[in-house]
Amino acid sequence: MLALDKTNFEQEVLNEKGYILVDFWSQGCEPCKALMPSVVELSEKYGESIKFCKLDTTKARRLAIKQRVLGLPTIAIYKDGEKVDEVTKDEATATNIENMIKKYL
């Protein structure tokens, strides 16, 4: 999984073609940390079809707000630089994330 920050988000997500999954998380978010291994597993399973990235929102608050990430964890899918789908907070489960990925394969 590619680690994003405010310096490379635009280049790696907004300017890229194809599907990109971004895991918005933070160090202080226990559900985020609990979900991370599942997201890594999904990246191993679907990494050929979708680019997987993660962004620590603690270090990029303005960027997260600009992307309308209002709660954590938020897992979003972008296509050609536009956010097309997301699951957030209680909806951000491994099953829901995998179902969301399958919609775009």
N, C-alpha and C. Protein backbone atom coordinates (compact mmCIF):
# COMPACT_ATOMS: atom_id res chain seq x y z
N MET A 1 0.83 -1.19 0.00
CA MET A 1 0.00 0.00 0.00
C MET A 1 0.87 1.24 0.00
N LEU A 2 0.51 2.16 -0.84
CA LEU A 2 1.28 3.40 -0.95
C LEU A 2 0.83 4.38 0.13
N ALA A 3 1.78 4.89 0.90
CA ALA A 3 1.47 5.89 1.92
C ALA A 3 1.39 7.26 1.25
N LEU A 4 0.27 7.92 1.45
CA LEU A 4 0.07 9.25 0.88
C LEU A 4 0.28 10.32 1.93
N ASP A 5 0.58 11.53 1.48
CA ASP A 5 0.60 12.70 2.34
C ASP A 5 0.18 13.90 1.50
N LYS A 6 0.22 15.07 2.11
CA LYS A 6 -0.27 16.24 1.37
C LYS A 6 0.61 16.61 0.18
N THR A 7 1.83 16.07 0.14
CA THR A 7 2.72 16.41 -0.99
C THR A 7 2.48 15.53 -2.22
N ASN A 8 1.98 14.30 -2.02
CA ASN A 8 1.83 13.41 -3.18
C ASN A 8 0.39 12.99 -3.48
N PHE A 9 -0.58 13.43 -2.67
CA PHE A 9 -1.97 13.01 -2.87
C PHE A 9 -2.49 13.39 -4.26
N GLU A 10 -2.27 14.63 -4.64
CA GLU A 10 -2.77 15.08 -5.94
C GLU A 10 -2.18 14.26 -7.08
N GLN A 11 -0.87 14.05 -7.04
CA GLN A 11 -0.18 13.30 -8.09
C GLN A 11 -0.63 11.85 -8.12
N GLU A 12 -0.72 11.20 -6.96
CA GLU A 12 -0.99 9.76 -6.89
C GLU A 12 -2.48 9.41 -6.99
N VAL A 13 -3.37 10.35 -6.67
CA VAL A 13 -4.82 10.05 -6.67
C VAL A 13 -5.57 10.91 -7.67
N LEU A 14 -5.48 12.22 -7.51
CA LEU A 14 -6.31 13.13 -8.32
C LEU A 14 -5.88 13.19 -9.78
N ASN A 15 -4.59 12.98 -10.05
CA ASN A 15 -4.10 13.05 -11.43
C ASN A 15 -3.93 11.68 -12.09
N GLU A 16 -4.32 10.62 -11.38
CA GLU A 16 -4.14 9.26 -11.91
C GLU A 16 -5.38 8.80 -12.66
N LYS A 17 -5.17 7.94 -13.63
CA LYS A 17 -6.26 7.30 -14.36
C LYS A 17 -6.55 5.95 -13.70
N GLY A 18 -7.80 5.52 -13.80
CA GLY A 18 -8.17 4.22 -13.25
C GLY A 18 -8.70 4.33 -11.84
N TYR A 19 -8.85 3.18 -11.20
CA TYR A 19 -9.43 3.12 -9.85
C TYR A 19 -8.35 3.13 -8.78
N ILE A 20 -8.62 3.93 -7.75
CA ILE A 20 -7.69 4.05 -6.62
C ILE A 20 -8.51 4.01 -5.34
N LEU A 21 -8.10 3.14 -4.42
CA LEU A 21 -8.74 3.08 -3.11
C LEU A 21 -7.85 3.84 -2.12
N VAL A 22 -8.46 4.73 -1.34
CA VAL A 22 -7.71 5.47 -0.33
C VAL A 22 -8.31 5.17 1.04
N ASP A 23 -7.46 4.69 1.94
CA ASP A 23 -7.84 4.43 3.32
C ASP A 23 -7.45 5.67 4.13
N PHE A 24 -8.46 6.46 4.52
CA PHE A 24 -8.22 7.63 5.37
C PHE A 24 -8.27 7.13 6.81
N TRP A 25 -7.17 7.33 7.56
CA TRP A 25 -7.08 6.82 8.92
C TRP A 25 -6.27 7.78 9.77
N SER A 26 -6.18 7.51 11.07
CA SER A 26 -5.27 8.30 11.92
C SER A 26 -4.76 7.43 13.06
N GLN A 27 -3.65 7.86 13.63
CA GLN A 27 -3.01 7.12 14.73
C GLN A 27 -3.94 6.96 15.93
N GLY A 28 -4.77 7.97 16.18
CA GLY A 28 -5.64 7.94 17.36
C GLY A 28 -6.96 7.22 17.13
N CYS A 29 -7.15 6.65 15.96
CA CYS A 29 -8.41 5.99 15.61
C CYS A 29 -8.25 4.48 15.75
N GLU A 30 -8.76 3.93 16.84
CA GLU A 30 -8.62 2.48 17.08
C GLU A 30 -9.34 1.65 16.01
N PRO A 31 -10.59 2.02 15.61
CA PRO A 31 -11.23 1.25 14.53
C PRO A 31 -10.41 1.27 13.24
N CYS A 32 -9.74 2.39 12.97
CA CYS A 32 -8.89 2.49 11.76
C CYS A 32 -7.76 1.47 11.83
N LYS A 33 -7.10 1.41 12.99
CA LYS A 33 -5.97 0.50 13.14
C LYS A 33 -6.43 -0.95 13.11
N ALA A 34 -7.62 -1.22 13.64
CA ALA A 34 -8.17 -2.58 13.62
C ALA A 34 -8.51 -3.01 12.20
N LEU A 35 -8.92 -2.05 11.38
CA LEU A 35 -9.32 -2.33 10.00
C LEU A 35 -8.14 -2.49 9.05
N MET A 36 -7.01 -1.87 9.38
CA MET A 36 -5.85 -1.83 8.49
C MET A 36 -5.41 -3.21 7.98
N PRO A 37 -5.30 -4.26 8.82
CA PRO A 37 -4.89 -5.57 8.28
C PRO A 37 -5.85 -6.09 7.20
N SER A 38 -7.14 -5.84 7.37
CA SER A 38 -8.13 -6.28 6.37
C SER A 38 -7.92 -5.53 5.06
N VAL A 39 -7.62 -4.24 5.15
CA VAL A 39 -7.39 -3.45 3.94
C VAL A 39 -6.12 -3.93 3.24
N VAL A 40 -5.10 -4.28 4.01
CA VAL A 40 -3.86 -4.81 3.43
C VAL A 40 -4.14 -6.14 2.73
N GLU A 41 -4.96 -7.00 3.35
CA GLU A 41 -5.35 -8.27 2.71
C GLU A 41 -6.07 -8.02 1.39
N LEU A 42 -7.00 -7.04 1.39
CA LEU A 42 -7.73 -6.70 0.17
C LEU A 42 -6.78 -6.17 -0.90
N SER A 43 -5.76 -5.44 -0.47
CA SER A 43 -4.79 -4.91 -1.44
C SER A 43 -4.01 -6.04 -2.09
N GLU A 44 -3.74 -7.10 -1.32
CA GLU A 44 -3.04 -8.26 -1.88
C GLU A 44 -3.95 -9.01 -2.85
N LYS A 45 -5.25 -9.02 -2.56
CA LYS A 45 -6.22 -9.75 -3.38
C LYS A 45 -6.59 -8.99 -4.66
N TYR A 46 -6.74 -7.66 -4.55
CA TYR A 46 -7.25 -6.85 -5.67
C TYR A 46 -6.23 -5.83 -6.20
N GLY A 47 -5.01 -5.90 -5.70
CA GLY A 47 -3.99 -4.91 -6.06
C GLY A 47 -3.66 -4.82 -7.54
N GLU A 48 -3.96 -5.87 -8.30
CA GLU A 48 -3.72 -5.84 -9.74
C GLU A 48 -4.72 -4.94 -10.45
N SER A 49 -5.92 -4.81 -9.87
CA SER A 49 -7.01 -4.07 -10.52
C SER A 49 -7.19 -2.65 -9.98
N ILE A 50 -6.88 -2.48 -8.71
CA ILE A 50 -7.09 -1.18 -8.05
C ILE A 50 -5.82 -0.80 -7.31
N LYS A 51 -5.43 0.46 -7.40
CA LYS A 51 -4.27 0.95 -6.66
C LYS A 51 -4.70 1.25 -5.22
N PHE A 52 -4.00 0.71 -4.25
CA PHE A 52 -4.34 0.89 -2.84
C PHE A 52 -3.40 1.89 -2.19
N CYS A 53 -3.99 2.87 -1.48
CA CYS A 53 -3.21 3.90 -0.79
C CYS A 53 -3.80 4.14 0.59
N LYS A 54 -3.00 4.75 1.45
CA LYS A 54 -3.52 5.14 2.76
C LYS A 54 -3.01 6.54 3.09
N LEU A 55 -3.86 7.29 3.80
CA LEU A 55 -3.51 8.66 4.16
C LEU A 55 -3.78 8.87 5.64
N ASP A 56 -2.74 9.20 6.39
CA ASP A 56 -2.89 9.53 7.81
C ASP A 56 -3.41 10.95 7.90
N THR A 57 -4.68 11.07 8.29
CA THR A 57 -5.33 12.39 8.28
C THR A 57 -4.78 13.32 9.36
N THR A 58 -4.09 12.78 10.35
CA THR A 58 -3.50 13.63 11.39
C THR A 58 -2.49 14.59 10.78
N LYS A 59 -1.81 14.11 9.73
CA LYS A 59 -0.76 14.91 9.10
C LYS A 59 -1.28 15.68 7.89
N ALA A 60 -2.57 15.51 7.57
CA ALA A 60 -3.12 16.17 6.38
C ALA A 60 -4.58 16.52 6.60
N ARG A 61 -4.86 17.24 7.70
CA ARG A 61 -6.25 17.56 8.06
C ARG A 61 -6.97 18.37 6.97
N ARG A 62 -6.33 19.38 6.46
CA ARG A 62 -6.98 20.22 5.44
C ARG A 62 -7.32 19.41 4.20
N LEU A 63 -6.39 18.55 3.82
CA LEU A 63 -6.61 17.69 2.66
C LEU A 63 -7.81 16.77 2.90
N ALA A 64 -7.89 16.17 4.09
CA ALA A 64 -9.00 15.28 4.42
C ALA A 64 -10.33 16.04 4.37
N ILE A 65 -10.35 17.23 4.91
CA ILE A 65 -11.57 18.05 4.90
C ILE A 65 -11.94 18.40 3.46
N LYS A 66 -10.95 18.75 2.66
CA LYS A 66 -11.19 19.08 1.25
C LYS A 66 -11.78 17.89 0.50
N GLN A 67 -11.41 16.68 0.92
CA GLN A 67 -11.94 15.46 0.30
C GLN A 67 -13.24 15.01 0.97
N ARG A 68 -13.78 15.86 1.82
CA ARG A 68 -15.04 15.62 2.54
C ARG A 68 -15.00 14.36 3.40
N VAL A 69 -13.86 14.13 4.02
CA VAL A 69 -13.73 13.02 4.97
C VAL A 69 -14.08 13.60 6.34
N LEU A 70 -15.27 13.27 6.81
CA LEU A 70 -15.77 13.88 8.03
C LEU A 70 -15.74 12.94 9.23
N GLY A 71 -15.49 11.67 8.97
CA GLY A 71 -15.39 10.69 10.05
C GLY A 71 -14.39 9.63 9.68
N LEU A 72 -13.88 8.93 10.68
CA LEU A 72 -12.91 7.86 10.44
C LEU A 72 -13.41 6.57 11.04
N PRO A 73 -13.03 5.44 10.50
CA PRO A 73 -12.29 5.30 9.24
C PRO A 73 -13.18 5.61 8.03
N THR A 74 -12.55 6.11 6.96
CA THR A 74 -13.23 6.30 5.68
C THR A 74 -12.37 5.63 4.61
N ILE A 75 -13.02 4.77 3.84
CA ILE A 75 -12.35 4.12 2.72
C ILE A 75 -13.07 4.62 1.47
N ALA A 76 -12.32 5.29 0.59
CA ALA A 76 -12.93 5.89 -0.60
C ALA A 76 -12.33 5.30 -1.86
N ILE A 77 -13.16 5.24 -2.90
CA ILE A 77 -12.67 4.82 -4.21
C ILE A 77 -12.77 6.01 -5.15
N TYR A 78 -11.67 6.26 -5.85
CA TYR A 78 -11.58 7.32 -6.84
C TYR A 78 -11.46 6.69 -8.22
N LYS A 79 -12.07 7.32 -9.20
CA LYS A 79 -11.86 6.91 -10.60
C LYS A 79 -11.47 8.14 -11.39
N ASP A 80 -10.31 8.06 -12.03
CA ASP A 80 -9.80 9.18 -12.83
C ASP A 80 -9.83 10.49 -12.04
N GLY A 81 -9.47 10.44 -10.77
CA GLY A 81 -9.34 11.63 -9.95
C GLY A 81 -10.59 12.11 -9.25
N GLU A 82 -11.73 11.44 -9.48
CA GLU A 82 -12.99 11.83 -8.84
C GLU A 82 -13.42 10.76 -7.85
N LYS A 83 -13.85 11.20 -6.64
CA LYS A 83 -14.35 10.21 -5.68
C LYS A 83 -15.68 9.68 -6.19
N VAL A 84 -15.80 8.35 -6.29
CA VAL A 84 -17.02 7.74 -6.81
C VAL A 84 -17.79 6.96 -5.74
N ASP A 85 -17.13 6.61 -4.64
CA ASP A 85 -17.80 5.82 -3.61
C ASP A 85 -16.99 5.87 -2.34
N GLU A 86 -17.66 5.59 -1.21
CA GLU A 86 -16.94 5.49 0.06
C GLU A 86 -17.77 4.76 1.09
N VAL A 87 -17.09 4.17 2.05
CA VAL A 87 -17.73 3.65 3.25
C VAL A 87 -17.03 4.34 4.41
N THR A 88 -17.81 4.65 5.44
CA THR A 88 -17.23 5.41 6.55
C THR A 88 -17.78 4.95 7.90
N LYS A 89 -17.02 5.23 8.94
CA LYS A 89 -17.37 4.89 10.32
C LYS A 89 -17.83 3.45 10.45
N ASP A 90 -19.05 3.21 10.97
CA ASP A 90 -19.52 1.85 11.23
C ASP A 90 -19.71 1.03 9.95
N GLU A 91 -19.89 1.71 8.82
CA GLU A 91 -20.06 1.01 7.55
C GLU A 91 -18.73 0.49 7.01
N ALA A 92 -17.62 0.98 7.56
CA ALA A 92 -16.29 0.60 7.06
C ALA A 92 -15.87 -0.73 7.67
N THR A 93 -16.44 -1.81 7.12
CA THR A 93 -16.06 -3.16 7.53
C THR A 93 -15.35 -3.82 6.35
N ALA A 94 -14.61 -4.88 6.64
CA ALA A 94 -13.89 -5.58 5.57
C ALA A 94 -14.86 -6.05 4.49
N THR A 95 -16.02 -6.57 4.90
CA THR A 95 -17.02 -7.06 3.94
C THR A 95 -17.55 -5.93 3.07
N ASN A 96 -17.90 -4.81 3.70
CA ASN A 96 -18.44 -3.67 2.93
C ASN A 96 -17.39 -3.09 1.98
N ILE A 97 -16.14 -3.06 2.42
CA ILE A 97 -15.07 -2.54 1.56
C ILE A 97 -14.89 -3.47 0.36
N GLU A 98 -14.89 -4.78 0.62
CA GLU A 98 -14.72 -5.72 -0.49
C GLU A 98 -15.90 -5.63 -1.46
N ASN A 99 -17.11 -5.49 -0.94
CA ASN A 99 -18.28 -5.35 -1.82
C ASN A 99 -18.18 -4.08 -2.67
N MET A 100 -17.70 -3.00 -2.06
CA MET A 100 -17.53 -1.74 -2.79
C MET A 100 -16.49 -1.93 -3.90
N ILE A 101 -15.38 -2.61 -3.60
CA ILE A 101 -14.34 -2.86 -4.61
C ILE A 101 -14.92 -3.65 -5.77
N LYS A 102 -15.69 -4.70 -5.46
CA LYS A 102 -16.24 -5.57 -6.49
C LYS A 102 -17.15 -4.83 -7.46
N LYS A 103 -17.80 -3.76 -6.98
CA LYS A 103 -18.68 -2.97 -7.86
C LYS A 103 -17.92 -2.34 -9.02
N TYR A 104 -16.62 -2.11 -8.82
CA TYR A 104 -15.83 -1.37 -9.82
C TYR A 104 -14.85 -2.25 -10.58
N LEU A 105 -14.92 -3.54 -10.38
CA LEU A 105 -14.01 -4.44 -11.12
C LEU A 105 -14.61 -4.85 -12.44
